[in-house]
């Protein structure tokens, strides 16, 4: 699981770096930490929602008499790691918002970013 988590964060970093070339690692890691803390309390609920979604997929497979064994791996990894896709989306959304925020001038004449 450690390898999967590290790989996940590295891929997310390079994806965000592609959209925001001046992205610094500490800023990125802060966003990952905040997003993880945001998802952590609802992780069980998200896993149940993903499982519920797969219930419909299984019913479709049964209706067409397809082999449901094909779904074992997607169900396992989808339920186990699927909720972390919300971390990916949340971090990427925050990085894109940060990048698109234009500098403004405050009352003191200095520039304020974001």
Protein backbone atom coordinates (compact mmCIF):
# COMPACT_ATOMS: atom_id res chain seq x y z
CA UNK A 1 0.00 0.00 0.00
CA UNK A 2 2.93 2.33 0.70
CA UNK A 3 4.18 1.90 -2.88
CA UNK A 4 0.70 2.63 -4.23
CA UNK A 5 0.39 5.76 -2.07
CA UNK A 6 3.79 7.11 -3.10
CA UNK A 7 3.14 6.37 -6.77
CA UNK A 8 -0.24 8.05 -6.51
CA UNK A 9 1.22 11.25 -5.01
CA UNK A 10 4.10 11.34 -7.54
CA UNK A 11 1.71 11.01 -10.49
CA UNK A 12 -0.57 13.66 -8.99
CA UNK A 13 2.41 16.00 -8.53
CA UNK A 14 3.51 15.66 -12.14
CA UNK A 15 -0.05 16.12 -13.35
CA UNK A 16 -0.42 19.30 -11.29
CA UNK A 17 3.08 20.48 -12.27
CA UNK A 18 2.06 20.17 -15.91
CA UNK A 19 -0.82 22.60 -15.29
CA UNK A 20 1.09 24.88 -12.90
CA UNK A 21 4.82 24.83 -13.81
CA UNK A 22 5.84 27.05 -10.88
CA UNK A 23 4.23 24.70 -8.33
CA UNK A 24 6.48 24.12 -5.33
CA UNK A 25 6.62 20.79 -3.49
CA UNK A 26 5.71 22.19 -0.01
CA UNK A 27 2.62 23.92 -1.42
CA UNK A 28 1.63 20.74 -3.22
CA UNK A 29 2.13 18.54 -0.15
CA UNK A 30 0.06 20.94 1.95
CA UNK A 31 -2.80 20.61 -0.55
CA UNK A 32 -2.48 16.80 -0.53
CA UNK A 33 -2.57 16.75 3.27
CA UNK A 34 -5.62 19.01 3.44
CA UNK A 35 -7.44 16.99 0.79
CA UNK A 36 -6.60 13.74 2.57
CA UNK A 37 -7.95 15.12 5.85
CA UNK A 38 -11.06 16.24 3.99
CA UNK A 39 -11.70 12.75 2.57
CA UNK A 40 -10.60 10.67 5.56
CA UNK A 41 -13.79 11.06 7.66
CA UNK A 42 -16.04 10.14 4.73
CA UNK A 43 -13.83 7.34 3.34
CA UNK A 44 -16.16 4.53 4.53
CA UNK A 45 -19.19 6.30 3.06
CA UNK A 46 -17.40 6.78 -0.28
CA UNK A 47 -16.36 3.12 -0.33
CA UNK A 48 -19.98 2.09 0.22
CA UNK A 49 -21.13 4.43 -2.58
CA UNK A 50 -18.59 2.92 -4.96
CA UNK A 51 -19.72 -0.58 -3.94
CA UNK A 52 -23.32 0.43 -4.55
CA UNK A 53 -22.38 1.64 -8.03
CA UNK A 54 -20.76 -1.70 -8.78
CA UNK A 55 -24.00 -3.39 -7.76
CA UNK A 56 -25.63 -1.97 -10.89
CA UNK A 57 -22.69 -3.04 -13.04
CA UNK A 58 -22.98 -6.58 -11.65
CA UNK A 59 -26.70 -6.61 -12.45
CA UNK A 60 -25.95 -5.60 -16.03
CA UNK A 61 -23.40 -8.41 -16.32
CA UNK A 62 -25.93 -10.90 -14.93
CA UNK A 63 -28.66 -9.67 -17.27
CA UNK A 64 -26.46 -10.24 -20.33
CA UNK A 65 -25.04 -13.51 -18.88
CA UNK A 66 -21.49 -12.18 -18.96
CA UNK A 67 -18.79 -13.57 -16.68
CA UNK A 68 -18.87 -11.60 -13.42
CA UNK A 69 -15.39 -12.84 -12.48
CA UNK A 70 -14.03 -10.10 -14.74
CA UNK A 71 -15.30 -7.55 -12.21
CA UNK A 72 -13.36 -8.93 -9.22
CA UNK A 73 -10.28 -6.77 -9.77
CA UNK A 74 -12.12 -3.52 -10.62
CA UNK A 75 -14.38 -3.97 -7.60
CA UNK A 76 -11.48 -4.69 -5.26
CA UNK A 77 -9.31 -1.79 -6.37
CA UNK A 78 -12.27 0.52 -6.97
CA UNK A 79 -13.57 0.12 -3.44
CA UNK A 80 -10.14 0.13 -1.80
CA UNK A 81 -8.53 3.02 -3.72
CA UNK A 82 -11.52 4.70 -5.34
CA UNK A 83 -12.22 7.15 -2.52
CA UNK A 84 -8.69 8.51 -2.95
CA UNK A 85 -9.65 9.67 -6.44
CA UNK A 86 -11.51 12.44 -4.62
CA UNK A 87 -8.15 13.50 -3.14
CA UNK A 88 -6.74 13.61 -6.66
CA UNK A 89 -9.62 15.72 -7.98
CA UNK A 90 -9.63 18.06 -4.98
CA UNK A 91 -5.89 18.72 -5.12
CA UNK A 92 -5.96 19.25 -8.87
CA UNK A 93 -8.93 21.61 -8.52
CA UNK A 94 -7.14 23.68 -5.85
CA UNK A 95 -3.95 23.86 -7.92
CA UNK A 96 -5.88 24.98 -11.01
CA UNK A 97 -7.76 27.59 -8.95
CA UNK A 98 -4.49 28.85 -7.50
CA UNK A 99 -3.00 29.13 -10.97
CA UNK A 100 -5.99 30.97 -12.42
CA UNK A 101 -6.24 33.51 -9.60
CA UNK A 102 -4.99 36.81 -10.92
CA UNK A 103 -2.83 39.14 -8.79
CA UNK A 104 -4.68 42.10 -7.29
CA UNK A 105 -3.57 45.37 -5.72
CA UNK A 106 -4.36 45.85 -2.03
CA UNK A 107 -4.79 49.18 -0.22
CA UNK A 108 -1.05 49.52 0.50
CA UNK A 109 -0.11 49.30 -3.17
CA UNK A 110 1.58 45.91 -2.76
CA UNK A 111 0.67 42.89 -4.82
CA UNK A 112 -1.34 40.10 -3.22
CA UNK A 113 -1.46 36.70 -4.87
CA UNK A 114 -4.46 34.38 -4.48
